[in-house]
């Protein structure tokens, strides 16, 4: 039997079963593999597949758990496909108990679900956004605006496969907007970190182009794999790999101690954790979202009413028939200009008196007689 060079991965359903059989949480698996908890959740759901050194570490961890719990050895399943292994594990695994429908009392309300997502993602997301912008106030504002937008579209966000990724993408887009440079409150730089190495690292990050900076933070800071990073930055996997390579090269040129990706990941986490950045309360964010929604709704209603009034006034005062424009006047040659009447001369007065005294030809005019 020939053996392949890579250790195969069990199906997504079996990955979760093996982790639970080994009494491990997603956070513990993420810490051992060197990724985030969201990445492990995506691997177990089958939405993404690990690659490279993370795949090797994840597969070795799962097969070690299977070995301890009485499963098959990794050497025995190198040539086994995922479907064969799933069929084999289904025959040997006990039948799970039937799941009962959750009662109405145990279901979370939309506000409770939003508060849970905010409490889980907001603190870390503020620190990540600080690495992108270097501004503490802008990082908090970006996260709050992202969650306000998520609350306005909560039915869509709640059904999303990765709500945390949805909010993270919205926060990054708002934080990297080029229009912040024109805002008076963000024209002057904020105080840098107290540590010299942290200041140098933050300066290198801020000198990177925004696409490279975002790719570096997602891959080496958050711990996403390359396909997830490419999808979140709306780029191809090849373009995301080039951005990551250029960003790492720029960081290593200024800070040779961070040429190792693991060291860079650790320093990014330390830089983000040294800043005491606190997010607002979830209730405050929801109230701000509702106030913003009411404001824009009223503004849209007022604009619509003004548009309707303007249209009605135009229809009321507009002409009902076409009136051609008057052509401009033109000068006629050979005709003397029209003169305005003025005082009569002596000859003209004599001529007038002569004409009045002479009898005009024609029948005599009948004049009424006073009796």
Protein backbone atom coordinates (compact mmCIF):
# COMPACT_ATOMS: atom_id res chain seq x y z
CA UNK A 1 0.00 0.00 0.00
CA UNK A 2 1.39 3.36 -1.03
CA UNK A 3 1.23 6.36 1.28
CA UNK A 4 0.67 9.93 0.23
CA UNK A 5 2.75 12.83 1.48
CA UNK A 6 -0.20 14.66 3.05
CA UNK A 7 -2.33 13.42 5.92
CA UNK A 8 -5.99 13.19 4.80
CA UNK A 9 -8.70 15.13 6.56
CA UNK A 10 -11.93 13.49 7.75
CA UNK A 11 -15.26 14.93 6.59
CA UNK A 12 -16.55 18.09 8.31
CA UNK A 13 -19.08 16.16 10.42
CA UNK A 14 -16.36 13.80 11.64
CA UNK A 15 -14.06 16.71 12.50
CA UNK A 16 -16.52 18.06 14.99
CA UNK A 17 -17.24 14.59 16.41
CA UNK A 18 -13.54 13.93 16.94
CA UNK A 19 -13.06 17.27 18.67
CA UNK A 20 -15.96 16.62 21.01
CA UNK A 21 -14.70 13.08 21.63
CA UNK A 22 -11.37 14.54 22.71
CA UNK A 23 -13.14 16.98 25.09
CA UNK A 24 -11.69 19.98 23.26
CA UNK A 25 -13.34 23.31 22.54
CA UNK A 26 -12.99 25.23 19.31
CA UNK A 27 -10.82 27.79 21.08
CA UNK A 28 -8.43 25.06 22.28
CA UNK A 29 -8.16 23.57 18.78
CA UNK A 30 -7.56 27.04 17.34
CA UNK A 31 -4.77 27.67 19.85
CA UNK A 32 -3.03 24.39 19.03
CA UNK A 33 -3.26 24.85 15.27
CA UNK A 34 -2.44 28.57 15.35
CA UNK A 35 -5.65 30.00 13.89
CA UNK A 36 -8.71 31.81 15.18
CA UNK A 37 -11.82 30.23 16.61
CA UNK A 38 -13.86 31.44 13.62
CA UNK A 39 -11.55 29.53 11.26
CA UNK A 40 -12.03 26.28 13.19
CA UNK A 41 -15.80 26.81 13.09
CA UNK A 42 -15.60 27.30 9.32
CA UNK A 43 -13.54 24.10 8.94
CA UNK A 44 -16.05 22.07 10.94
CA UNK A 45 -19.00 23.44 8.99
CA UNK A 46 -17.33 22.59 5.66
CA UNK A 47 -17.43 26.20 4.46
CA UNK A 48 -13.65 26.30 4.07
CA UNK A 49 -10.83 23.75 3.95
CA UNK A 50 -7.43 24.20 5.64
CA UNK A 51 -4.33 24.26 3.49
CA UNK A 52 -0.60 24.18 3.90
CA UNK A 53 0.97 23.81 7.31
CA UNK A 54 -2.33 24.50 9.06
CA UNK A 55 -3.88 21.53 7.26
CA UNK A 56 -1.05 19.26 8.41
CA UNK A 57 -1.32 20.41 12.02
CA UNK A 58 -5.12 20.15 12.03
CA UNK A 59 -5.10 16.67 10.50
CA UNK A 60 -2.44 15.39 12.91
CA UNK A 61 -4.46 16.72 15.85
CA UNK A 62 -7.67 15.03 14.68
CA UNK A 63 -5.98 11.69 14.02
CA UNK A 64 -4.25 11.81 17.40
CA UNK A 65 -7.67 12.25 19.00
CA UNK A 66 -9.02 9.36 16.94
CA UNK A 67 -6.07 7.21 18.05
CA UNK A 68 -6.70 7.98 21.72
CA UNK A 69 -10.43 7.30 21.46
CA UNK A 70 -9.96 3.94 19.73
CA UNK A 71 -10.19 5.08 16.11
CA UNK A 72 -7.99 4.04 13.21
CA UNK A 73 -4.34 4.96 12.89
CA UNK A 74 -3.35 7.63 10.38
CA UNK A 75 -1.21 5.14 8.46
CA UNK A 76 -4.20 2.88 7.88
CA UNK A 77 -6.36 5.54 6.25
CA UNK A 78 -3.93 7.31 3.96
CA UNK A 79 -5.52 5.72 0.90
CA UNK A 80 -9.08 5.90 2.22
CA UNK A 81 -11.34 8.48 0.65
CA UNK A 82 -13.55 10.78 2.65
CA UNK A 83 -16.72 8.91 1.65
CA UNK A 84 -15.27 5.55 2.70
CA UNK A 85 -14.15 6.91 6.04
CA UNK A 86 -17.52 8.53 6.65
CA UNK A 87 -19.30 5.24 5.88
CA UNK A 88 -16.93 3.35 8.18
CA UNK A 89 -17.35 5.81 11.02
CA UNK A 90 -21.12 5.74 10.58
CA UNK A 91 -21.20 1.96 11.05
CA UNK A 92 -19.03 2.07 14.18
CA UNK A 93 -20.38 5.24 15.79
CA UNK A 94 -23.40 5.01 18.08
CA UNK A 95 -26.65 6.40 16.82
CA UNK A 96 -27.14 9.95 18.09
CA UNK A 97 -30.26 10.68 20.14
CA UNK A 98 -33.08 12.51 18.36
CA UNK A 99 -32.97 16.24 18.63
CA UNK A 100 -35.94 17.94 20.18
CA UNK A 101 -37.36 21.16 18.86
CA UNK A 102 -36.28 24.16 20.90
CA UNK A 103 -39.04 25.64 22.96
CA UNK A 104 -40.19 29.20 22.56
CA UNK A 105 -38.68 30.07 25.93
CA UNK A 106 -35.18 28.92 24.94
CA UNK A 107 -35.12 30.85 21.66
CA UNK A 108 -33.20 34.09 21.60
CA UNK A 109 -34.86 37.31 20.60
CA UNK A 110 -33.23 39.37 17.83
CA UNK A 111 -31.89 41.83 20.41
CA UNK A 112 -30.39 39.04 22.52
CA UNK A 113 -28.77 37.41 19.47
CA UNK A 114 -27.34 40.75 18.37
CA UNK A 115 -25.99 41.46 21.86
CA UNK A 116 -24.33 38.05 21.94
CA UNK A 117 -22.67 38.63 18.58
CA UNK A 118 -21.56 42.10 19.65
CA UNK A 119 -20.10 40.87 22.95
CA UNK A 120 -18.22 38.12 21.12
CA UNK A 121 -16.80 40.16 18.21
CA UNK A 122 -16.66 43.84 19.18
CA UNK A 123 -13.65 43.87 21.57
CA UNK A 124 -11.35 41.99 19.20
CA UNK A 125 -12.68 43.83 16.17
CA UNK A 126 -11.84 47.22 17.68
CA UNK A 127 -8.24 46.12 18.20
CA UNK A 128 -8.00 44.77 14.67
CA UNK A 129 -9.37 47.99 13.22
CA UNK A 130 -6.78 49.93 15.23
CA UNK A 131 -4.06 48.04 13.35
CA UNK A 132 -5.61 49.21 10.06
CA UNK A 133 -6.01 52.89 10.94
CA UNK A 134 -3.67 53.67 13.83
CA UNK A 135 -6.50 55.74 15.37
CA UNK A 136 -8.31 54.63 18.49
CA UNK A 137 -11.40 56.79 18.06
CA UNK A 138 -11.78 55.85 14.39
CA UNK A 139 -11.49 52.16 15.29
CA UNK A 140 -14.32 52.43 17.83
CA UNK A 141 -16.46 54.44 15.43
CA UNK A 142 -15.90 51.97 12.59
CA UNK A 143 -16.99 49.02 14.72
CA UNK A 144 -20.04 50.86 16.02
CA UNK A 145 -21.09 51.90 12.52
CA UNK A 146 -20.63 48.34 11.25
CA UNK A 147 -22.81 46.90 14.02
CA UNK A 148 -25.40 49.66 13.51
CA UNK A 149 -25.57 48.68 9.85
CA UNK A 150 -25.83 45.02 10.89
CA UNK A 151 -28.74 45.78 13.24
CA UNK A 152 -30.60 47.58 10.45
CA UNK A 153 -30.19 44.48 8.26
CA UNK A 154 -30.35 41.95 11.07
CA UNK A 155 -32.55 39.32 9.35
CA UNK A 156 -29.99 39.11 6.54
CA UNK A 157 -26.99 39.10 8.91
CA UNK A 158 -28.55 36.51 11.24
CA UNK A 159 -29.02 34.06 8.35
CA UNK A 160 -25.48 34.61 7.04
CA UNK A 161 -23.01 31.74 7.33
CA UNK A 162 -20.46 33.96 9.05
CA UNK A 163 -22.07 36.96 10.81
CA UNK A 164 -18.75 37.90 12.39
CA UNK A 165 -17.11 38.05 8.96
CA UNK A 166 -19.99 40.18 7.66
CA UNK A 167 -19.52 42.75 10.43
CA UNK A 168 -15.72 42.62 10.11
CA UNK A 169 -15.87 43.39 6.39
CA UNK A 170 -18.21 46.33 7.02
CA UNK A 171 -15.96 47.72 9.77
CA UNK A 172 -12.84 47.41 7.60
CA UNK A 173 -14.55 49.15 4.68
CA UNK A 174 -15.60 52.08 6.85
CA UNK A 175 -12.21 52.33 8.57
CA UNK A 176 -10.26 52.40 5.29
CA UNK A 177 -12.50 54.98 3.62
CA UNK A 178 -10.37 57.79 2.09
CA UNK A 179 -12.93 60.44 3.09
CA UNK A 180 -11.81 60.42 6.73
CA UNK A 181 -8.86 62.64 5.84
CA UNK A 182 -11.26 65.54 5.20
CA UNK A 183 -12.92 65.29 8.61
CA UNK A 184 -11.62 67.88 11.09
CA UNK A 185 -11.46 65.41 13.98
CA UNK A 186 -9.09 63.10 12.08
CA UNK A 187 -6.74 65.63 10.51
CA UNK A 188 -4.17 65.47 13.31
CA UNK A 189 -2.41 62.22 14.30
CA UNK A 190 -3.10 60.55 17.63
CA UNK A 191 -0.40 59.78 20.24
CA UNK A 192 1.59 56.70 19.17
CA UNK A 193 2.13 53.64 21.40
CA UNK A 194 4.58 54.01 24.25
CA UNK A 195 6.82 51.11 23.25
CA UNK A 196 9.42 51.88 20.56
CA UNK A 197 9.03 48.54 18.78
CA UNK A 198 5.24 48.93 18.72
CA UNK A 199 5.62 52.41 17.25
CA UNK A 200 7.91 51.09 14.53
CA UNK A 201 5.53 48.21 13.70
CA UNK A 202 2.50 50.50 13.58
CA UNK A 203 4.41 52.96 11.39
CA UNK A 204 5.28 50.18 8.94
CA UNK A 205 1.65 49.02 8.83
CA UNK A 206 0.34 52.51 8.13
CA UNK A 207 2.84 52.98 5.29
CA UNK A 208 1.51 49.90 3.47
CA UNK A 209 -1.17 50.39 0.81
CA UNK A 210 -4.66 49.74 2.23
CA UNK A 211 -5.22 46.47 0.30
CA UNK A 212 -1.88 45.03 1.49
CA UNK A 213 -2.48 46.24 5.05
CA UNK A 214 -5.91 44.64 5.14
CA UNK A 215 -4.64 41.36 3.72
CA UNK A 216 -1.80 41.23 6.26
CA UNK A 217 -4.11 41.89 9.20
CA UNK A 218 -6.63 39.28 8.05
CA UNK A 219 -4.07 36.55 7.36
CA UNK A 220 -1.38 37.10 9.99
CA UNK A 221 -3.46 39.00 12.54
CA UNK A 222 -6.92 37.42 12.50
CA UNK A 223 -5.70 34.03 11.28
CA UNK A 224 -7.87 33.49 8.20
CA UNK A 225 -6.62 31.22 5.46
CA UNK A 226 -5.79 32.52 2.01
CA UNK A 227 -9.13 31.76 0.27
CA UNK A 228 -11.08 33.41 3.09
CA UNK A 229 -8.77 36.43 2.99
CA UNK A 230 -9.18 36.71 -0.78
CA UNK A 231 -12.97 36.45 -0.52
CA UNK A 232 -13.19 39.11 2.19
CA UNK A 233 -10.92 41.53 0.31
CA UNK A 234 -12.83 40.86 -2.96
CA UNK A 235 -9.70 39.65 -4.77
CA UNK A 236 -8.53 36.43 -6.33
CA UNK A 237 -6.45 34.00 -4.31
CA UNK A 238 -3.40 34.77 -6.43
CA UNK A 239 -3.80 38.53 -5.93
CA UNK A 240 -4.24 38.06 -2.17
CA UNK A 241 -1.07 35.94 -2.05
CA UNK A 242 0.90 38.64 -3.86
CA UNK A 243 -0.39 41.33 -1.53
CA UNK A 244 0.55 39.23 1.48
CA UNK A 245 4.02 38.56 0.10
CA UNK A 246 4.67 42.26 -0.60
CA UNK A 247 3.38 43.26 2.83
CA UNK A 248 5.58 40.71 4.61
CA UNK A 249 8.59 41.83 2.57
CA UNK A 250 8.00 45.47 3.53
CA UNK A 251 7.65 44.60 7.21
CA UNK A 252 10.76 42.39 7.18
CA UNK A 253 12.78 45.12 5.46
CA UNK A 254 12.07 47.55 8.31
CA UNK A 255 11.87 45.01 11.14
CA UNK A 256 14.04 41.94 10.44
CA UNK A 257 12.91 40.28 13.68
CA UNK A 258 9.43 39.84 12.17
CA UNK A 259 10.50 37.94 9.07
CA UNK A 260 9.00 34.79 10.59
CA UNK A 261 5.17 34.70 10.09
CA UNK A 262 4.62 33.25 13.55
CA UNK A 263 6.62 36.07 15.15
CA UNK A 264 4.68 38.61 13.10
CA UNK A 265 1.39 37.06 14.21
CA UNK A 266 2.45 37.23 17.85
CA UNK A 267 3.62 40.85 17.61
CA UNK A 268 0.41 41.95 15.88
CA UNK A 269 -1.62 40.36 18.68
CA UNK A 270 0.55 42.03 21.31
CA UNK A 271 0.32 45.43 19.61
CA UNK A 272 -3.46 45.22 19.45
CA UNK A 273 -3.78 44.02 23.04
CA UNK A 274 -1.56 46.73 24.55
CA UNK A 275 -4.07 49.41 23.55
CA UNK A 276 -6.97 49.53 25.99
CA UNK A 277 -9.76 49.98 23.50
CA UNK A 278 -13.28 49.57 24.79
CA UNK A 279 -16.36 49.29 22.66
CA UNK A 280 -19.69 50.81 23.56
CA UNK A 281 -22.52 48.83 25.13
CA UNK A 282 -24.70 46.81 22.76
CA UNK A 283 -27.82 48.70 23.83
CA UNK A 284 -26.13 52.00 22.94
CA UNK A 285 -25.25 50.66 19.48
CA UNK A 286 -28.79 49.42 18.86
CA UNK A 287 -30.29 52.73 20.00
CA UNK A 288 -27.89 54.63 17.74
CA UNK A 289 -28.82 52.41 14.82
CA UNK A 290 -32.52 52.99 15.39
CA UNK A 291 -32.03 56.76 15.71
CA UNK A 292 -30.03 56.82 12.48
CA UNK A 293 -32.70 54.77 10.72
CA UNK A 294 -35.44 57.14 11.94
CA UNK A 295 -33.44 60.17 10.82
CA UNK A 296 -32.89 58.87 7.31
CA UNK A 297 -36.51 57.73 7.07
CA UNK A 298 -37.78 61.19 8.00
CA UNK A 299 -35.30 62.79 5.62
CA UNK A 300 -36.52 60.56 2.79
CA UNK A 301 -40.16 61.39 3.60
CA UNK A 302 -39.40 65.14 3.69
CA UNK A 303 -37.54 64.94 0.39
CA UNK A 304 -40.43 63.03 -1.19
CA UNK A 305 -42.98 65.56 0.05
CA UNK A 306 -40.88 68.45 -1.27
CA UNK A 307 -40.53 66.72 -4.62
CA UNK A 308 -44.28 66.12 -4.83
CA UNK A 309 -44.99 69.78 -3.92
CA UNK A 310 -42.55 71.07 -6.50
CA UNK A 311 -44.07 68.85 -9.17
CA UNK A 312 -47.62 69.99 -8.31
CA UNK A 313 -46.61 73.67 -8.38
CA UNK A 314 -44.94 73.19 -11.75
CA UNK A 315 -48.02 71.52 -13.19
CA UNK A 316 -50.20 74.30 -11.78
CA UNK A 317 -48.22 77.22 -13.19
CA UNK A 318 -46.99 75.71 -16.45
CA UNK A 319 -48.57 77.05 -19.74
CA UNK A 320 -51.21 74.89 -21.36
CA UNK A 321 -50.33 75.74 -25.00
CA UNK A 322 -47.23 76.50 -26.93
CA UNK A 323 -46.33 80.15 -27.49
CA UNK A 324 -43.64 80.64 -30.13
CA UNK A 325 -41.00 83.15 -29.20
CA UNK A 326 -41.13 86.65 -30.74
CA UNK A 327 -38.41 86.95 -33.38
CA UNK A 328 -35.95 89.79 -32.90
CA UNK A 329 -36.60 92.98 -34.92
CA UNK A 330 -34.65 93.82 -38.06
CA UNK A 331 -33.87 97.20 -39.70
CA UNK A 332 -35.70 97.96 -43.00
CA UNK A 333 -33.70 100.08 -45.39
CA UNK A 334 -35.23 102.97 -47.47
CA UNK A 335 -37.85 103.95 -44.86
CA UNK A 336 -37.13 107.05 -42.82
CA UNK A 337 -37.00 106.48 -39.15
CA UNK A 338 -40.14 107.22 -37.25
CA UNK A 339 -39.96 110.53 -35.50
CA UNK A 340 -41.70 111.34 -32.30
CA UNK A 341 -44.19 114.33 -32.34
CA UNK A 342 -42.78 117.63 -31.19
CA UNK A 343 -43.69 121.35 -31.09
CA UNK A 344 -45.05 122.78 -34.39
CA UNK A 345 -43.15 125.45 -36.27
CA UNK A 346 -44.70 128.75 -37.47
CA UNK A 347 -45.35 127.43 -40.99
CA UNK A 348 -46.94 124.27 -39.64
CA UNK A 349 -49.31 126.26 -37.45
CA UNK A 350 -50.36 128.46 -40.41
CA UNK A 351 -51.00 125.38 -42.51
CA UNK A 352 -53.13 123.88 -39.78
CA UNK A 353 -55.26 126.98 -39.49
CA UNK A 354 -55.72 127.13 -43.29
CA UNK A 355 -56.85 123.53 -43.43
CA UNK A 356 -59.35 124.04 -40.66
CA UNK A 357 -60.98 127.08 -42.40
CA UNK A 358 -61.38 125.46 -45.82
CA UNK A 359 -64.56 123.50 -46.55
CA UNK A 360 -63.82 119.86 -47.01
CA UNK A 361 -65.39 118.08 -49.99
CA UNK A 362 -68.31 115.81 -49.31
CA UNK A 363 -71.71 116.05 -47.70
CA UNK A 364 -72.24 118.57 -44.99
CA UNK A 365 -72.13 117.26 -41.55
CA UNK A 366 -75.40 117.33 -39.61
CA UNK A 367 -75.11 119.09 -36.33
CA UNK A 368 -77.68 118.82 -33.60
CA UNK A 369 -79.68 122.02 -32.88
CA UNK A 370 -80.56 123.09 -29.45
CA UNK A 371 -84.30 123.90 -29.21
